[in-house]
């Protein structure tokens, strides 16, 4: 199965397109963005139009079956505008996925939400983001040039953690 995993943010989102059978990234997603460059199998893009372009190209160009997004979770603290803007963006992503699936005769595309605590638990009970990165490195190596994880940086680690957690546990508890 191929998964598009997204770590949403207020102004930009990280994504990973992961093939669970090959245990590797899916290649380029085809047609380029407005600048003409191809959309890669991972990246950090602006939320304006670019994340919607990634969702559309993933649905159109590869046999995607699941769009998984890390959902915000309440820890009992007061939150500000940025949290609500991120939640609104998640809703827009879901709408984009359903729109693309409707105009293209594709069935069985699922859009699911997962919390960070569930993802960390699925990766061996990791407590911190550093633990998550270490768990991924133990499975797949380093993020240096020539290595499988080359190019993984910043929030891409979170998107990759979601994809790997779903690969290892397809029945992961949803939000």
N, C-alpha and C. Protein backbone atom coordinates (compact mmCIF):
# COMPACT_ATOMS: atom_id res chain seq x y z
N UNK A 1 0.84 -1.17 0.00
CA UNK A 1 0.00 0.00 0.00
C UNK A 1 0.89 1.24 0.00
N UNK A 2 0.39 2.29 -0.63
CA UNK A 2 1.11 3.55 -0.65
C UNK A 2 0.35 4.56 0.19
N UNK A 3 1.11 5.27 1.04
CA UNK A 3 0.54 6.20 2.00
C UNK A 3 1.11 7.59 1.73
N UNK A 4 0.23 8.59 1.76
CA UNK A 4 0.67 9.98 1.80
C UNK A 4 0.48 10.42 3.24
N UNK A 5 1.58 10.65 3.95
CA UNK A 5 1.54 11.07 5.35
C UNK A 5 1.90 12.55 5.43
N UNK A 6 1.09 13.30 6.18
CA UNK A 6 1.27 14.74 6.25
C UNK A 6 1.36 15.20 7.70
N UNK A 7 2.36 16.03 7.98
CA UNK A 7 2.48 16.72 9.26
C UNK A 7 2.10 18.17 8.99
N UNK A 8 0.87 18.57 9.34
CA UNK A 8 0.40 19.91 8.99
C UNK A 8 0.97 20.98 9.92
N UNK A 9 1.06 22.17 9.39
CA UNK A 9 1.49 23.31 10.18
C UNK A 9 0.64 24.52 9.84
N UNK A 10 0.90 25.60 10.52
CA UNK A 10 0.11 26.81 10.32
C UNK A 10 0.33 27.41 8.92
N UNK A 11 1.58 27.49 8.47
CA UNK A 11 1.87 28.10 7.17
C UNK A 11 2.47 27.14 6.17
N UNK A 12 3.06 26.05 6.64
CA UNK A 12 3.62 25.04 5.74
C UNK A 12 3.43 23.66 6.35
N UNK A 13 3.44 22.65 5.47
CA UNK A 13 3.23 21.28 5.91
C UNK A 13 4.29 20.38 5.31
N UNK A 14 4.67 19.36 6.07
CA UNK A 14 5.63 18.37 5.60
C UNK A 14 4.85 17.14 5.14
N UNK A 15 5.36 16.49 4.11
CA UNK A 15 4.69 15.28 3.61
C UNK A 15 5.71 14.24 3.21
N UNK A 16 5.25 12.99 3.22
CA UNK A 16 6.04 11.85 2.78
C UNK A 16 5.11 10.92 2.03
N UNK A 17 5.54 10.46 0.88
CA UNK A 17 4.80 9.43 0.15
C UNK A 17 5.60 8.14 0.31
N UNK A 18 5.02 7.15 1.00
CA UNK A 18 5.73 5.96 1.45
C UNK A 18 5.07 4.70 0.91
N UNK A 19 5.88 3.79 0.39
CA UNK A 19 5.41 2.51 -0.11
C UNK A 19 5.66 1.45 0.96
N UNK A 20 4.60 0.91 1.54
CA UNK A 20 4.75 -0.04 2.64
C UNK A 20 5.26 -1.41 2.19
N UNK A 21 5.10 -1.74 0.93
CA UNK A 21 5.61 -3.04 0.45
C UNK A 21 7.12 -2.99 0.21
N UNK A 22 7.59 -1.86 -0.30
CA UNK A 22 9.02 -1.70 -0.57
C UNK A 22 9.77 -1.13 0.61
N UNK A 23 9.04 -0.64 1.62
CA UNK A 23 9.66 0.02 2.79
C UNK A 23 10.56 1.16 2.34
N UNK A 24 10.01 1.98 1.43
CA UNK A 24 10.81 3.05 0.86
C UNK A 24 9.89 4.16 0.36
N UNK A 25 10.51 5.28 0.00
CA UNK A 25 9.77 6.40 -0.56
C UNK A 25 9.30 6.05 -1.95
N UNK A 26 8.14 6.57 -2.33
CA UNK A 26 7.67 6.46 -3.70
C UNK A 26 8.44 7.50 -4.49
N UNK A 27 8.71 7.24 -5.75
CA UNK A 27 9.47 8.18 -6.58
C UNK A 27 8.73 9.49 -6.78
N UNK A 28 9.22 10.31 -7.71
CA UNK A 28 8.58 11.59 -8.01
C UNK A 28 7.11 11.38 -8.33
N UNK A 29 6.30 12.34 -7.92
CA UNK A 29 4.86 12.23 -8.09
C UNK A 29 4.38 12.80 -9.41
N UNK A 30 5.28 13.00 -10.32
CA UNK A 30 4.88 13.44 -11.65
C UNK A 30 4.90 14.93 -11.82
N UNK A 31 3.97 15.44 -12.61
CA UNK A 31 3.91 16.82 -13.06
C UNK A 31 4.41 17.82 -12.02
N UNK A 32 5.10 18.82 -12.50
CA UNK A 32 5.69 19.81 -11.62
C UNK A 32 4.69 20.80 -11.06
N UNK A 33 5.16 21.57 -10.11
CA UNK A 33 4.35 22.64 -9.54
C UNK A 33 4.43 23.86 -10.46
N UNK A 34 3.96 24.99 -9.97
CA UNK A 34 3.94 26.20 -10.79
C UNK A 34 5.32 26.58 -11.30
N UNK A 35 6.36 26.29 -10.53
CA UNK A 35 7.72 26.63 -10.94
C UNK A 35 8.28 25.62 -11.94
N UNK A 36 7.56 24.53 -12.19
CA UNK A 36 7.98 23.54 -13.16
C UNK A 36 8.82 22.42 -12.60
N UNK A 37 9.13 22.45 -11.31
CA UNK A 37 9.93 21.37 -10.74
C UNK A 37 9.03 20.21 -10.34
N UNK A 38 9.51 18.98 -10.45
CA UNK A 38 8.66 17.84 -10.09
C UNK A 38 8.39 17.81 -8.59
N UNK A 39 7.25 17.30 -8.24
CA UNK A 39 6.90 17.14 -6.84
C UNK A 39 7.59 15.87 -6.36
N UNK A 40 8.37 15.98 -5.31
CA UNK A 40 9.15 14.86 -4.81
C UNK A 40 8.31 13.98 -3.89
N UNK A 41 8.87 12.86 -3.48
CA UNK A 41 8.17 11.93 -2.59
C UNK A 41 8.19 12.38 -1.14
N UNK A 42 8.88 13.49 -0.86
CA UNK A 42 8.86 14.08 0.47
C UNK A 42 9.19 15.56 0.32
N UNK A 43 8.76 16.34 1.28
CA UNK A 43 9.10 17.75 1.22
C UNK A 43 8.35 18.56 2.26
N UNK A 44 8.67 19.83 2.28
CA UNK A 44 7.96 20.81 3.11
C UNK A 44 7.48 21.88 2.15
N UNK A 45 6.18 22.09 2.11
CA UNK A 45 5.60 23.02 1.15
C UNK A 45 4.68 24.02 1.86
N UNK A 46 4.47 25.13 1.20
CA UNK A 46 3.55 26.15 1.73
C UNK A 46 2.13 25.63 1.68
N UNK A 47 1.32 26.07 2.61
CA UNK A 47 -0.07 25.63 2.66
C UNK A 47 -0.96 26.31 1.64
N UNK A 48 -0.52 27.41 1.06
CA UNK A 48 -1.39 28.16 0.14
C UNK A 48 -1.99 27.23 -0.91
N UNK A 49 -1.22 26.85 -1.91
CA UNK A 49 -1.71 25.94 -2.95
C UNK A 49 -0.86 24.70 -3.07
N UNK A 50 0.37 24.76 -2.57
CA UNK A 50 1.31 23.68 -2.82
C UNK A 50 0.92 22.36 -2.17
N UNK A 51 0.41 22.38 -0.95
CA UNK A 51 0.03 21.10 -0.31
C UNK A 51 -1.14 20.48 -1.04
N UNK A 52 -2.03 21.31 -1.58
CA UNK A 52 -3.17 20.78 -2.33
C UNK A 52 -2.69 20.19 -3.65
N UNK A 53 -1.66 20.79 -4.24
CA UNK A 53 -1.06 20.25 -5.45
C UNK A 53 -0.44 18.88 -5.17
N UNK A 54 0.22 18.74 -4.04
CA UNK A 54 0.82 17.45 -3.65
C UNK A 54 -0.29 16.40 -3.49
N UNK A 55 -1.36 16.75 -2.80
CA UNK A 55 -2.47 15.80 -2.60
C UNK A 55 -3.06 15.40 -3.95
N UNK A 56 -3.31 16.36 -4.82
CA UNK A 56 -3.89 16.08 -6.14
C UNK A 56 -2.98 15.18 -6.96
N UNK A 57 -1.68 15.53 -7.04
CA UNK A 57 -0.75 14.75 -7.85
C UNK A 57 -0.57 13.34 -7.29
N UNK A 58 -0.62 13.20 -6.00
CA UNK A 58 -0.49 11.87 -5.40
C UNK A 58 -1.68 11.00 -5.79
N UNK A 59 -2.86 11.57 -5.72
CA UNK A 59 -4.07 10.81 -6.07
C UNK A 59 -4.07 10.47 -7.56
N UNK A 60 -3.67 11.43 -8.40
CA UNK A 60 -3.71 11.24 -9.84
C UNK A 60 -2.63 10.29 -10.33
N UNK A 61 -1.39 10.44 -9.84
CA UNK A 61 -0.25 9.77 -10.46
C UNK A 61 0.19 8.45 -9.84
N UNK A 62 -0.21 8.17 -8.61
CA UNK A 62 0.19 6.89 -8.02
C UNK A 62 -1.02 6.23 -7.39
N UNK A 63 -0.88 4.98 -7.13
CA UNK A 63 -1.98 4.17 -6.59
C UNK A 63 -2.07 4.37 -5.07
N UNK A 64 -2.44 5.58 -4.67
CA UNK A 64 -2.52 5.92 -3.25
C UNK A 64 -3.80 5.34 -2.66
N UNK A 65 -3.73 4.80 -1.46
CA UNK A 65 -4.90 4.25 -0.80
C UNK A 65 -5.22 4.95 0.51
N UNK A 66 -4.24 5.68 1.06
CA UNK A 66 -4.46 6.31 2.36
C UNK A 66 -3.74 7.66 2.42
N UNK A 67 -4.47 8.67 2.83
CA UNK A 67 -3.88 9.95 3.18
C UNK A 67 -4.01 10.05 4.69
N UNK A 68 -2.88 10.04 5.37
CA UNK A 68 -2.85 10.07 6.84
C UNK A 68 -2.27 11.41 7.29
N UNK A 69 -2.97 12.04 8.22
CA UNK A 69 -2.56 13.35 8.69
C UNK A 69 -2.44 13.34 10.21
N UNK A 70 -1.36 13.94 10.70
CA UNK A 70 -1.21 14.07 12.15
C UNK A 70 -2.19 15.12 12.63
N UNK A 71 -3.05 14.74 13.57
CA UNK A 71 -4.09 15.63 14.08
C UNK A 71 -3.63 16.29 15.37
N UNK A 72 -4.10 17.49 15.58
CA UNK A 72 -3.82 18.22 16.82
C UNK A 72 -4.47 17.48 17.98
N UNK A 73 -3.88 17.59 19.14
CA UNK A 73 -4.36 16.89 20.32
C UNK A 73 -4.38 17.84 21.49
N UNK A 74 -5.41 17.73 22.31
CA UNK A 74 -5.52 18.60 23.47
C UNK A 74 -4.70 18.05 24.62
N UNK A 75 -3.88 18.90 25.19
CA UNK A 75 -3.11 18.55 26.37
C UNK A 75 -3.60 19.35 27.58
N UNK A 76 -4.75 20.01 27.44
CA UNK A 76 -5.32 20.77 28.53
C UNK A 76 -4.77 22.18 28.67
N UNK A 77 -3.97 22.61 27.71
CA UNK A 77 -3.39 23.96 27.76
C UNK A 77 -4.20 24.90 26.88
N UNK A 78 -4.13 26.16 27.18
CA UNK A 78 -4.74 27.16 26.31
C UNK A 78 -3.98 27.19 24.99
N UNK A 79 -4.71 27.38 23.90
CA UNK A 79 -4.07 27.41 22.58
C UNK A 79 -4.39 28.75 21.91
N UNK A 80 -3.59 29.07 20.94
CA UNK A 80 -3.76 30.32 20.23
C UNK A 80 -4.22 30.13 18.81
N UNK A 81 -4.17 31.20 18.08
CA UNK A 81 -4.65 31.25 16.71
C UNK A 81 -3.95 30.23 15.81
N UNK A 82 -2.66 30.04 16.00
CA UNK A 82 -1.91 29.13 15.11
C UNK A 82 -2.45 27.71 15.16
N UNK A 83 -2.89 27.27 16.33
CA UNK A 83 -3.45 25.92 16.44
C UNK A 83 -4.75 25.83 15.65
N UNK A 84 -5.59 26.83 15.77
CA UNK A 84 -6.86 26.81 15.04
C UNK A 84 -6.65 26.92 13.53
N UNK A 85 -5.64 27.69 13.12
CA UNK A 85 -5.33 27.77 11.70
C UNK A 85 -4.83 26.44 11.17
N UNK A 86 -4.06 25.71 11.97
CA UNK A 86 -3.59 24.39 11.56
C UNK A 86 -4.76 23.41 11.44
N UNK A 87 -5.67 23.44 12.40
CA UNK A 87 -6.84 22.56 12.34
C UNK A 87 -7.69 22.90 11.11
N UNK A 88 -7.86 24.17 10.82
CA UNK A 88 -8.60 24.59 9.63
C UNK A 88 -7.91 24.06 8.37
N UNK A 89 -6.58 24.09 8.34
CA UNK A 89 -5.83 23.59 7.19
C UNK A 89 -6.05 22.09 7.02
N UNK A 90 -6.12 21.36 8.12
CA UNK A 90 -6.38 19.92 8.04
C UNK A 90 -7.74 19.67 7.38
N UNK A 91 -8.73 20.47 7.75
CA UNK A 91 -10.04 20.35 7.12
C UNK A 91 -9.99 20.64 5.63
N UNK A 92 -9.22 21.64 5.25
CA UNK A 92 -9.07 21.96 3.82
C UNK A 92 -8.38 20.83 3.07
N UNK A 93 -7.40 20.19 3.70
CA UNK A 93 -6.72 19.05 3.08
C UNK A 93 -7.71 17.91 2.84
N UNK A 94 -8.55 17.65 3.82
CA UNK A 94 -9.54 16.59 3.70
C UNK A 94 -10.50 16.89 2.56
N UNK A 95 -10.94 18.12 2.48
CA UNK A 95 -11.86 18.53 1.41
C UNK A 95 -11.20 18.37 0.04
N UNK A 96 -9.92 18.74 -0.07
CA UNK A 96 -9.18 18.60 -1.32
C UNK A 96 -9.10 17.12 -1.73
N UNK A 97 -8.80 16.26 -0.78
CA UNK A 97 -8.68 14.82 -1.08
C UNK A 97 -10.01 14.26 -1.56
N UNK A 98 -11.10 14.61 -0.91
CA UNK A 98 -12.41 14.12 -1.33
C UNK A 98 -12.81 14.68 -2.69
N UNK A 99 -12.47 15.92 -2.95
CA UNK A 99 -12.78 16.53 -4.24
C UNK A 99 -12.04 15.80 -5.36
N UNK A 100 -10.73 15.59 -5.18
CA UNK A 100 -9.94 14.90 -6.20
C UNK A 100 -10.44 13.48 -6.43
N UNK A 101 -10.77 12.78 -5.35
CA UNK A 101 -11.26 11.40 -5.48
C UNK A 101 -12.60 11.37 -6.19
N UNK A 102 -13.40 12.44 -6.05
CA UNK A 102 -14.71 12.48 -6.68
C UNK A 102 -14.63 12.76 -8.18
N UNK A 103 -13.71 13.64 -8.59
CA UNK A 103 -13.64 13.97 -10.01
C UNK A 103 -12.87 12.93 -10.82
N UNK A 104 -12.08 12.13 -10.14
CA UNK A 104 -11.36 11.04 -10.79
C UNK A 104 -12.02 9.76 -10.30
N UNK A 105 -12.42 8.88 -11.19
CA UNK A 105 -13.13 7.68 -10.73
C UNK A 105 -12.21 6.70 -9.97
N UNK A 106 -11.86 7.09 -8.76
CA UNK A 106 -11.00 6.28 -7.90
C UNK A 106 -11.80 5.94 -6.65
N UNK A 107 -11.72 4.70 -6.26
CA UNK A 107 -12.41 4.31 -5.04
C UNK A 107 -11.39 3.92 -3.98
N UNK A 108 -11.86 3.79 -2.79
CA UNK A 108 -11.06 3.29 -1.67
C UNK A 108 -9.90 4.20 -1.26
N UNK A 109 -10.03 5.49 -1.44
CA UNK A 109 -9.03 6.40 -0.88
C UNK A 109 -9.57 6.82 0.49
N UNK A 110 -8.75 6.58 1.50
CA UNK A 110 -9.16 6.92 2.85
C UNK A 110 -8.36 8.13 3.34
N UNK A 111 -9.00 8.93 4.16
CA UNK A 111 -8.37 10.08 4.79
C UNK A 111 -8.53 9.87 6.29
N UNK A 112 -7.41 9.66 6.99
CA UNK A 112 -7.47 9.35 8.42
C UNK A 112 -6.57 10.29 9.21
N UNK A 113 -6.97 10.50 10.46
CA UNK A 113 -6.24 11.39 11.36
C UNK A 113 -5.66 10.58 12.52
N UNK A 114 -4.43 10.91 12.92
CA UNK A 114 -3.75 10.21 14.00
C UNK A 114 -3.07 11.23 14.91
N UNK A 115 -3.09 10.97 16.21
CA UNK A 115 -2.44 11.89 17.14
C UNK A 115 -0.97 11.51 17.32
N UNK A 116 -0.20 12.47 17.74
CA UNK A 116 1.23 12.26 17.92
C UNK A 116 1.51 11.20 18.99
N UNK A 117 0.73 11.15 20.06
CA UNK A 117 0.98 10.17 21.11
C UNK A 117 0.78 8.75 20.60
N UNK A 118 -0.20 8.55 19.73
CA UNK A 118 -0.42 7.22 19.14
C UNK A 118 0.74 6.85 18.22
N UNK A 119 1.22 7.81 17.45
CA UNK A 119 2.34 7.56 16.54
C UNK A 119 3.60 7.20 17.33
N UNK A 120 3.88 7.97 18.38
CA UNK A 120 5.07 7.69 19.20
C UNK A 120 4.96 6.32 19.86
N UNK A 121 3.78 5.98 20.35
CA UNK A 121 3.59 4.67 20.97
C UNK A 121 3.81 3.53 19.98
N UNK A 122 3.38 3.73 18.73
CA UNK A 122 3.54 2.69 17.71
C UNK A 122 4.99 2.49 17.32
N UNK A 123 5.82 3.48 17.56
CA UNK A 123 7.24 3.37 17.22
C UNK A 123 8.08 2.91 18.41
N UNK A 124 7.47 2.19 19.31
CA UNK A 124 8.22 1.64 20.43
C UNK A 124 8.13 2.46 21.69
N UNK A 125 7.08 3.24 21.83
CA UNK A 125 6.90 4.01 23.04
C UNK A 125 7.84 5.19 23.16
N UNK A 126 8.19 5.80 22.05
CA UNK A 126 9.07 6.97 22.07
C UNK A 126 8.42 8.09 22.89
N UNK A 127 9.25 8.82 23.61
CA UNK A 127 8.73 9.90 24.44
C UNK A 127 8.96 11.27 23.82
N UNK A 128 10.04 11.44 23.09
CA UNK A 128 10.37 12.74 22.52
C UNK A 128 10.55 12.62 21.01
N UNK A 129 10.61 13.77 20.35
CA UNK A 129 10.86 13.77 18.91
C UNK A 129 12.25 13.22 18.59
N UNK A 130 13.19 13.44 19.47
CA UNK A 130 14.53 12.87 19.29
C UNK A 130 14.48 11.35 19.32
N UNK A 131 13.68 10.79 20.23
CA UNK A 131 13.49 9.34 20.29
C UNK A 131 12.88 8.81 18.99
N UNK A 132 11.93 9.56 18.43
CA UNK A 132 11.28 9.16 17.17
C UNK A 132 12.31 9.11 16.05
N UNK A 133 13.12 10.16 15.94
CA UNK A 133 14.15 10.18 14.89
C UNK A 133 15.14 9.03 15.07
N UNK A 134 15.52 8.74 16.30
CA UNK A 134 16.44 7.64 16.56
C UNK A 134 15.82 6.30 16.19
N UNK A 135 14.55 6.12 16.51
CA UNK A 135 13.86 4.86 16.16
C UNK A 135 13.81 4.67 14.64
N UNK A 136 13.57 5.74 13.92
CA UNK A 136 13.54 5.65 12.45
C UNK A 136 14.93 5.35 11.91
N UNK A 137 15.94 6.00 12.46
CA UNK A 137 17.32 5.74 12.02
C UNK A 137 17.74 4.30 12.27
N UNK A 138 17.29 3.73 13.38
CA UNK A 138 17.62 2.33 13.67
C UNK A 138 16.99 1.40 12.64
N UNK A 139 15.85 1.77 12.12
CA UNK A 139 15.18 0.94 11.13
C UNK A 139 15.76 1.13 9.72
N UNK A 140 16.07 2.39 9.35
CA UNK A 140 16.38 2.70 7.95
C UNK A 140 17.71 3.39 7.71
N UNK A 141 18.50 3.65 8.71
CA UNK A 141 19.80 4.28 8.50
C UNK A 141 19.76 5.78 8.70
N UNK A 142 20.81 6.43 8.25
CA UNK A 142 20.97 7.87 8.47
C UNK A 142 20.33 8.69 7.36
N UNK A 143 20.31 10.00 7.55
CA UNK A 143 19.73 10.91 6.56
C UNK A 143 20.82 11.62 5.77
N UNK A 144 21.97 10.99 5.65
CA UNK A 144 23.09 11.56 4.91
C UNK A 144 22.97 11.28 3.42
N UNK A 145 23.77 11.99 2.65
CA UNK A 145 23.78 11.81 1.19
C UNK A 145 24.09 10.36 0.84
N UNK A 146 23.30 9.81 -0.07
CA UNK A 146 23.47 8.43 -0.50
C UNK A 146 22.74 7.41 0.34
N UNK A 147 22.20 7.83 1.47
CA UNK A 147 21.46 6.92 2.35
C UNK A 147 19.97 6.97 2.01
N UNK A 148 19.24 5.99 2.47
CA UNK A 148 17.80 5.90 2.19
C UNK A 148 17.05 7.14 2.68
N UNK A 149 17.43 7.68 3.81
CA UNK A 149 16.72 8.81 4.40
C UNK A 149 17.29 10.17 3.98
N UNK A 150 18.08 10.19 2.91
CA UNK A 150 18.64 11.45 2.44
C UNK A 150 17.54 12.46 2.18
N UNK A 151 17.69 13.65 2.71
CA UNK A 151 16.71 14.71 2.52
C UNK A 151 15.68 14.83 3.62
N UNK A 152 15.63 13.85 4.52
CA UNK A 152 14.68 13.94 5.64
C UNK A 152 15.21 14.97 6.62
N UNK A 153 14.37 15.97 6.92
CA UNK A 153 14.78 17.06 7.80
C UNK A 153 13.54 17.66 8.44
N UNK A 154 13.74 18.45 9.44
CA UNK A 154 12.69 19.19 10.13
C UNK A 154 11.41 18.36 10.30
N UNK A 155 10.29 18.90 9.84
CA UNK A 155 8.99 18.24 10.07
C UNK A 155 8.76 17.01 9.20
N UNK A 156 9.63 16.76 8.24
CA UNK A 156 9.51 15.55 7.44
C UNK A 156 9.67 14.32 8.33
N UNK A 157 10.47 14.44 9.41
CA UNK A 157 10.63 13.33 10.35
C UNK A 157 9.26 12.91 10.92
N UNK A 158 8.42 13.88 11.25
CA UNK A 158 7.10 13.58 11.82
C UNK A 158 6.20 12.90 10.80
N UNK A 159 6.22 13.38 9.56
CA UNK A 159 5.42 12.75 8.51
C UNK A 159 5.91 11.32 8.27
N UNK A 160 7.22 11.13 8.23
CA UNK A 160 7.79 9.80 8.04
C UNK A 160 7.44 8.88 9.21
N UNK A 161 7.47 9.40 10.42
CA UNK A 161 7.10 8.60 11.59
C UNK A 161 5.67 8.09 11.46
N UNK A 162 4.78 8.93 10.99
CA UNK A 162 3.38 8.51 10.78
C UNK A 162 3.30 7.40 9.74
N UNK A 163 3.99 7.56 8.63
CA UNK A 163 3.97 6.54 7.57
C UNK A 163 4.52 5.20 8.07
N UNK A 164 5.63 5.24 8.79
CA UNK A 164 6.23 4.01 9.30
C UNK A 164 5.36 3.37 10.37
N UNK A 165 4.76 4.17 11.24
CA UNK A 165 3.86 3.63 12.26
C UNK A 165 2.69 2.90 11.61
N UNK A 166 2.16 3.46 10.52
CA UNK A 166 1.05 2.80 9.81
C UNK A 166 1.52 1.57 9.05
N UNK A 167 2.74 1.61 8.56
CA UNK A 167 3.29 0.42 7.88
C UNK A 167 3.40 -0.74 8.87
N UNK A 168 3.90 -0.45 10.05
CA UNK A 168 4.12 -1.51 11.05
C UNK A 168 2.84 -1.91 11.78
N UNK A 169 1.85 -1.02 11.80
CA UNK A 169 0.60 -1.32 12.50
C UNK A 169 -0.56 -0.71 11.70
N UNK A 170 -1.04 -1.39 10.66
CA UNK A 170 -2.10 -0.85 9.81
C UNK A 170 -3.40 -0.53 10.57
N UNK A 171 -3.60 -1.15 11.72
CA UNK A 171 -4.82 -0.89 12.48
C UNK A 171 -4.58 0.12 13.61
N UNK A 172 -3.66 1.04 13.38
CA UNK A 172 -3.34 2.08 14.35
C UNK A 172 -4.60 2.84 14.74
N UNK A 173 -4.73 3.14 16.01
CA UNK A 173 -5.91 3.83 16.53
C UNK A 173 -6.01 5.23 15.94
N UNK A 174 -7.16 5.52 15.32
CA UNK A 174 -7.40 6.84 14.75
C UNK A 174 -7.80 7.84 15.82
N UNK A 175 -7.75 9.10 15.44
CA UNK A 175 -8.14 10.18 16.32
C UNK A 175 -9.62 10.13 16.62
